[in-house]
Amino acid sequence: MARSKPTDATAPSGKAGRGPKDGGRGRSSGAAAPGGSTAASGSGKGKAPKLDKNGQPKVGRLKKVRGQARMIKQAYSLTRKNDPKLPWIMLIWFVAVAAAVELVGILFDSPFIFLPLALVSGGLAALVVFGRRAQGSAYRQVEGQPGAAAWVLEGMRGDWRVTSGVAGTQQMDAVHRVLGRPGVILVAEGVPARVRGLLAQEKKKVARVVGDTPIYDITVGDDEGQIPLRKLSTHVMKLPRNLSAAEVNALARRMSALGGSRMPVPGGPLPGGRQMSISQRQVRRRG
C-alpha cells in the first residue's frame, strides 16, 4: 500500500521549490526580468534634473569653467581693441609681482619653493589689472549715451531690483528706480534741467506707496552735486542698509502697483549702435 502513494512529478521538491528566492532561470523569472529592467530604465528617464537656486538646471563644473574662459577671452579681445597697451601692462604687472615674490624666496634661501607662489601671484595681479582696464574701457564706451546709467545699475552685484525708464522725455532723459537694502533709489540721467522735474514727480509717486522707507535721488553727470557714471555703482552700494531682506521683499510687492518701465531704454549702447556684450558685463562685475 505504501507503493501506491501518489507522487507529483511536476511539483518541485526540497530547495527546488524556492526558485523565486534563488533567482531561478525559469520562464517566470525571465519574464519578470525585462519588466524590472524596463521599470528601472523608465524611472531613470523620468528623473527630474537638479535645479539651482534660480530654478535653472545645474551646469557641470567643467562646463562652467569653459563658459567663464570663453567670456574672459571675448572680453579680452574686445578690450584690447580699445586698449592696445593692455597686453604689455598685464605682462609688466605679472613680471613685477612674480619677481617680488621670488625675491622673498631667494632671501629665505628657498627659491624653488616660492616659484609656484610667484607664478600664481603674478597671474592674479595680471587678471586684476585686466578687470580694471576692461571696466574702464566699458565705461568710456557707454558714457554720455542714453541708457548708460541703466546698464550700470543692472550690472551691480547683490540683490538690487532695477526698473529702467519709469519716467522720461522724448529727448531720452530717463529716471530709473532701484529697490534694495538702502530703500528706494531714483537715478536720473540726462539734462539736469529736464530730469529735475521728473525726479520730483517720481519721488512723490513712490512716497505714497513706500511710506517711511528712505528714498534717495541721484543725478548722473560730471557737474557739482552729480555722480559720475564710473562711480555710480560704488555710490549706490555704499548707501546705508536700512531694510532687511524680508522688508525688501514686502516693499517690492507693494511697489508692484506702480508698474514697470514706461519708456524704452537702451541696455548699454555702444558707439556705432552696438550693444555691450555679456562678457564685458561679467568682467566689469568682477573688477
Protein backbone atom coordinates (compact mmCIF):
# COMPACT_ATOMS: atom_id res chain seq x y z
CA MET A 1 0.00 0.00 0.00
CA ALA A 2 2.88 2.34 0.65
CA ARG A 3 3.91 1.98 -3.02
CA SER A 4 0.57 3.37 -4.17
CA LYS A 5 1.36 6.79 -2.59
CA PRO A 6 0.83 9.40 -5.31
CA THR A 7 3.77 11.48 -6.40
CA ASP A 8 3.57 14.78 -8.30
CA ALA A 9 6.24 14.75 -10.95
CA THR A 10 5.68 18.40 -11.78
CA ALA A 11 5.91 19.72 -8.22
CA PRO A 12 9.39 20.81 -7.15
CA SER A 13 10.76 19.22 -4.03
CA GLY A 14 13.29 20.36 -1.49
CA LYS A 15 15.20 23.51 -2.31
CA ALA A 16 13.88 23.47 -5.85
CA GLY A 17 10.63 24.93 -4.57
CA ARG A 18 12.45 28.10 -3.57
CA GLY A 19 13.02 29.20 -7.12
CA PRO A 20 11.86 32.82 -6.69
CA LYS A 21 14.20 33.31 -3.74
CA ASP A 22 17.09 31.71 -5.54
CA GLY A 23 16.54 33.79 -8.70
CA GLY A 24 15.90 30.72 -10.93
CA ARG A 25 16.22 30.86 -14.68
CA GLY A 26 12.71 29.67 -15.46
CA ARG A 27 10.24 31.38 -17.75
CA SER A 28 8.67 33.28 -14.90
CA SER A 29 11.97 34.79 -13.80
CA GLY A 30 12.89 35.55 -17.40
CA ALA A 31 9.57 37.32 -17.92
CA ALA A 32 9.98 39.33 -14.78
CA ALA A 33 13.49 40.44 -15.66
CA PRO A 34 12.53 42.52 -18.69
CA GLY A 35 9.74 44.14 -16.73
CA GLY A 36 12.11 45.03 -13.92
CA SER A 37 14.68 46.45 -16.28
CA THR A 38 12.01 48.43 -18.10
CA ALA A 39 10.75 49.89 -14.85
CA ALA A 40 14.24 50.75 -13.76
CA SER A 41 15.08 52.38 -17.06
CA GLY A 42 11.76 54.19 -17.07
CA SER A 43 12.38 55.59 -13.62
CA GLY A 44 15.84 56.68 -14.74
CA LYS A 45 14.45 58.53 -17.74
CA GLY A 46 11.75 60.21 -15.69
CA LYS A 47 14.18 61.54 -13.09
CA ALA A 48 13.99 65.32 -12.92
CA PRO A 49 17.27 67.23 -13.41
CA LYS A 50 18.79 69.00 -10.43
CA LEU A 51 17.97 72.69 -10.26
CA ASP A 52 19.94 75.57 -8.80
CA LYS A 53 18.60 78.29 -6.50
CA ASN A 54 17.22 80.19 -9.50
CA GLY A 55 15.22 77.20 -10.71
CA GLN A 56 17.53 76.56 -13.69
CA PRO A 57 19.13 73.16 -14.44
CA LYS A 58 22.51 72.83 -12.79
CA VAL A 59 25.52 73.11 -15.05
CA GLY A 60 28.55 70.91 -14.52
CA ARG A 61 31.64 72.44 -13.00
CA LEU A 62 33.69 71.77 -16.12
CA LYS A 63 31.11 73.47 -18.33
CA LYS A 64 31.10 76.48 -16.01
CA VAL A 65 34.88 76.79 -16.24
CA ARG A 66 34.75 76.54 -20.04
CA GLY A 67 32.00 79.15 -20.22
CA GLN A 68 33.90 81.55 -17.99
CA ALA A 69 37.06 81.02 -20.04
CA ARG A 70 35.17 81.86 -23.23
CA MET A 71 33.72 85.01 -21.68
CA ILE A 72 37.13 86.17 -20.44
CA LYS A 73 38.65 85.52 -23.87
CA GLN A 74 35.89 87.50 -25.57
CA ALA A 75 36.22 90.36 -23.08
CA TYR A 76 39.98 90.40 -23.58
CA SER A 77 39.58 90.64 -27.36
CA LEU A 78 37.07 93.48 -27.09
CA THR A 79 39.12 95.38 -24.51
CA ARG A 80 42.35 95.00 -26.47
CA LYS A 81 40.76 96.69 -29.50
CA ASN A 82 40.07 99.79 -27.41
CA ASP A 83 43.19 99.50 -25.24
CA PRO A 84 46.20 98.37 -27.33
CA LYS A 85 48.55 98.70 -24.34
CA LEU A 86 46.63 96.07 -22.35
CA PRO A 87 48.91 93.04 -23.09
CA TRP A 88 52.08 94.94 -22.17
CA ILE A 89 50.61 96.36 -18.97
CA MET A 90 49.42 92.91 -17.91
CA LEU A 91 52.87 91.47 -18.67
CA ILE A 92 54.64 94.17 -16.66
CA TRP A 93 52.42 93.55 -13.64
CA PHE A 94 52.88 89.78 -13.94
CA VAL A 95 56.67 90.05 -14.06
CA ALA A 96 56.86 92.66 -11.30
CA VAL A 97 54.68 90.75 -8.81
CA ALA A 98 56.22 87.37 -9.62
CA ALA A 99 59.72 88.79 -9.26
CA ALA A 100 58.88 90.37 -5.91
CA VAL A 101 57.57 87.07 -4.52
CA GLU A 102 60.53 85.15 -5.92
CA LEU A 103 62.91 87.66 -4.36
CA VAL A 104 61.39 86.86 -0.98
CA GLY A 105 62.03 83.18 -1.70
CA ILE A 106 65.65 83.92 -2.53
CA LEU A 107 66.08 85.85 0.72
CA PHE A 108 64.74 82.83 2.62
CA ASP A 109 67.05 80.55 0.59
CA SER A 110 64.02 78.70 -0.87
CA PRO A 111 63.66 79.95 -4.46
CA PHE A 112 62.15 76.73 -5.83
CA ILE A 113 59.55 76.54 -3.06
CA PHE A 114 58.40 80.10 -3.73
CA LEU A 115 58.37 79.70 -7.52
CA PRO A 116 54.77 78.33 -7.82
CA LEU A 117 53.54 81.04 -5.46
CA ALA A 118 55.32 83.68 -7.53
CA LEU A 119 53.67 82.47 -10.75
CA VAL A 120 50.20 82.34 -9.19
CA SER A 121 50.61 85.78 -7.62
CA GLY A 122 51.77 87.25 -10.93
CA GLY A 123 48.81 85.71 -12.75
CA LEU A 124 46.33 87.10 -10.22
CA ALA A 125 47.88 90.56 -10.49
CA ALA A 126 47.59 90.47 -14.28
CA LEU A 127 43.95 89.33 -14.02
CA VAL A 128 43.08 92.16 -11.61
CA VAL A 129 44.69 94.72 -13.92
CA PHE A 130 42.77 93.26 -16.85
CA GLY A 131 39.47 93.55 -14.98
CA ARG A 132 40.11 97.18 -14.02
CA ARG A 133 41.06 98.23 -17.52
CA ALA A 134 38.16 96.31 -19.06
CA GLN A 135 35.83 98.12 -16.68
CA GLY A 136 37.29 101.49 -17.62
CA SER A 137 37.05 100.68 -21.32
CA ALA A 138 33.39 99.69 -20.97
CA TYR A 139 32.55 102.91 -19.11
CA ARG A 140 34.29 105.03 -21.73
CA GLN A 141 32.23 103.40 -24.47
CA VAL A 142 28.82 103.96 -22.85
CA GLU A 143 29.46 107.28 -21.11
CA GLY A 144 27.21 110.06 -22.38
CA GLN A 145 24.88 107.72 -24.27
CA PRO A 146 21.17 107.11 -23.49
CA GLY A 147 20.66 104.16 -21.17
CA ALA A 148 24.21 104.17 -19.78
CA ALA A 149 23.06 104.57 -16.17
CA ALA A 150 20.53 101.75 -16.56
CA TRP A 151 23.28 99.48 -17.90
CA VAL A 152 25.48 100.24 -14.88
CA LEU A 153 22.65 99.66 -12.40
CA GLU A 154 21.67 96.33 -13.93
CA GLY A 155 25.27 95.11 -13.62
CA MET A 156 25.62 95.72 -9.87
CA ARG A 157 26.42 92.81 -7.58
CA GLY A 158 23.85 91.83 -4.97
CA ASP A 159 20.07 91.86 -4.65
CA TRP A 160 19.04 95.02 -6.48
CA ARG A 161 15.61 95.31 -8.12
CA VAL A 162 16.18 97.65 -11.06
CA THR A 163 13.30 99.06 -13.12
CA SER A 164 14.62 101.08 -16.04
CA GLY A 165 12.80 104.03 -17.58
CA VAL A 166 10.00 104.57 -15.06
CA ALA A 167 9.84 108.17 -16.32
CA GLY A 168 11.41 110.03 -19.21
CA THR A 169 11.22 112.53 -22.01
CA GLN A 170 11.34 112.36 -25.80
CA GLN A 171 14.95 113.57 -25.62
CA MET A 172 15.87 110.23 -23.92
CA ASP A 173 16.19 111.75 -20.45
CA ALA A 174 15.23 108.98 -18.04
CA VAL A 175 14.63 108.10 -14.41
CA HIS A 176 15.38 104.56 -13.20
CA ARG A 177 14.05 103.03 -9.98
CA VAL A 178 16.20 100.76 -7.82
CA LEU A 179 14.94 98.82 -4.81
CA GLY A 180 17.42 97.39 -2.34
CA ARG A 181 18.53 97.26 1.28
CA PRO A 182 19.04 101.07 1.47
CA GLY A 183 15.44 101.65 0.36
CA VAL A 184 14.26 103.18 -2.92
CA ILE A 185 16.85 104.85 -5.14
CA LEU A 186 15.82 107.05 -8.06
CA VAL A 187 18.58 107.57 -10.61
CA ALA A 188 18.20 110.21 -13.32
CA GLU A 189 20.31 110.63 -16.44
CA GLY A 190 20.05 113.41 -19.00
CA VAL A 191 19.89 117.19 -18.98
CA PRO A 192 19.66 118.33 -15.31
CA ALA A 193 17.01 120.99 -16.06
CA ARG A 194 14.70 118.36 -17.54
CA VAL A 195 15.31 115.46 -15.17
CA ARG A 196 14.86 117.61 -12.05
CA GLY A 197 11.09 117.74 -12.58
CA LEU A 198 10.96 114.03 -13.46
CA LEU A 199 12.73 113.15 -10.23
CA ALA A 200 10.35 115.26 -8.13
CA GLN A 201 7.25 113.70 -9.71
CA GLU A 202 8.54 110.16 -9.34
CA LYS A 203 9.59 110.78 -5.74
CA LYS A 204 6.08 111.93 -4.81
CA LYS A 205 4.55 108.93 -6.54
CA VAL A 206 6.85 106.47 -4.76
CA ALA A 207 6.40 108.16 -1.36
CA ARG A 208 2.66 107.43 -1.45
CA VAL A 209 3.42 103.71 -1.63
CA VAL A 210 6.54 103.16 0.47
CA GLY A 211 5.61 105.29 3.49
CA ASP A 212 8.58 105.90 5.78
CA THR A 213 11.05 103.95 3.65
CA PRO A 214 14.07 106.13 2.74
CA ILE A 215 14.07 107.48 -0.81
CA TYR A 216 17.36 108.57 -2.40
CA ASP A 217 17.61 110.57 -5.62
CA ILE A 218 20.76 110.62 -7.75
CA THR A 219 21.57 112.55 -10.91
CA VAL A 220 24.29 111.10 -13.12
CA GLY A 221 26.80 113.58 -14.52
CA ASP A 222 30.11 115.33 -14.01
CA ASP A 223 28.78 118.64 -12.61
CA GLU A 224 28.70 119.62 -8.96
CA GLY A 225 26.21 117.61 -6.93
CA GLN A 226 26.09 114.84 -9.55
CA ILE A 227 27.58 111.35 -9.53
CA PRO A 228 29.91 110.37 -12.39
CA LEU A 229 28.85 107.28 -14.31
CA ARG A 230 32.02 105.36 -13.38
CA LYS A 231 31.28 105.91 -9.67
CA LEU A 232 27.54 105.23 -9.80
CA SER A 233 27.58 101.57 -8.75
CA THR A 234 30.08 102.25 -5.95
CA HIS A 235 27.98 105.16 -4.65
CA VAL A 236 24.75 103.10 -4.66
CA MET A 237 26.34 100.09 -2.94
CA LYS A 238 27.81 102.31 -0.21
CA LEU A 239 24.40 103.66 0.83
CA PRO A 240 23.38 102.63 4.37
CA ARG A 241 21.42 99.39 4.80
CA ASN A 242 18.07 100.47 6.22
CA LEU A 243 15.94 97.42 5.37
CA SER A 244 16.17 93.70 5.94
CA ALA A 245 15.80 91.18 3.14
CA ALA A 246 12.22 90.38 4.24
CA GLU A 247 11.32 94.07 4.25
CA VAL A 248 12.74 94.46 0.74
CA ASN A 249 10.54 91.60 -0.50
CA ALA A 250 7.45 93.08 1.17
CA LEU A 251 8.24 96.50 -0.28
CA ALA A 252 8.69 95.01 -3.74
CA ARG A 253 5.18 93.55 -3.57
CA ARG A 254 3.76 96.93 -2.61
CA MET A 255 5.66 98.73 -5.33
CA SER A 256 4.40 96.32 -7.99
CA ALA A 257 1.31 98.53 -8.08
CA LEU A 258 3.43 101.28 -9.63
CA GLY A 259 4.15 99.09 -12.64
CA GLY A 260 7.33 98.70 -14.63
CA SER A 261 9.09 100.81 -17.20
CA ARG A 262 7.02 103.03 -19.45
CA MET A 263 9.68 104.06 -21.95
CA PRO A 264 12.24 102.06 -23.94
CA VAL A 265 15.75 102.47 -22.54
CA PRO A 266 18.76 101.02 -24.38
CA GLY A 267 20.65 98.43 -22.32
CA GLY A 268 24.12 99.86 -22.55
CA PRO A 269 24.57 101.22 -26.06
CA LEU A 270 27.96 101.42 -27.69
CA PRO A 271 29.29 103.78 -30.35
CA GLY A 272 28.12 102.65 -33.76
CA GLY A 273 24.89 101.16 -32.45
CA ARG A 274 26.46 98.00 -30.95
CA GLN A 275 25.31 96.53 -27.66
CA MET A 276 27.56 95.77 -24.72
CA SER A 277 28.44 92.09 -24.64
CA ILE A 278 27.73 89.85 -21.68
CA SER A 279 31.43 89.09 -21.31
CA GLN A 280 32.28 92.72 -20.62
CA ARG A 281 29.46 92.88 -18.07
CA GLN A 282 30.90 89.84 -16.28
CA VAL A 283 34.42 91.27 -16.20
CA ARG A 284 33.08 94.62 -15.02
CA ARG A 285 31.27 92.95 -12.13
CA ARG A 286 34.40 91.08 -11.05
CA GLY A 287 36.52 94.19 -11.37
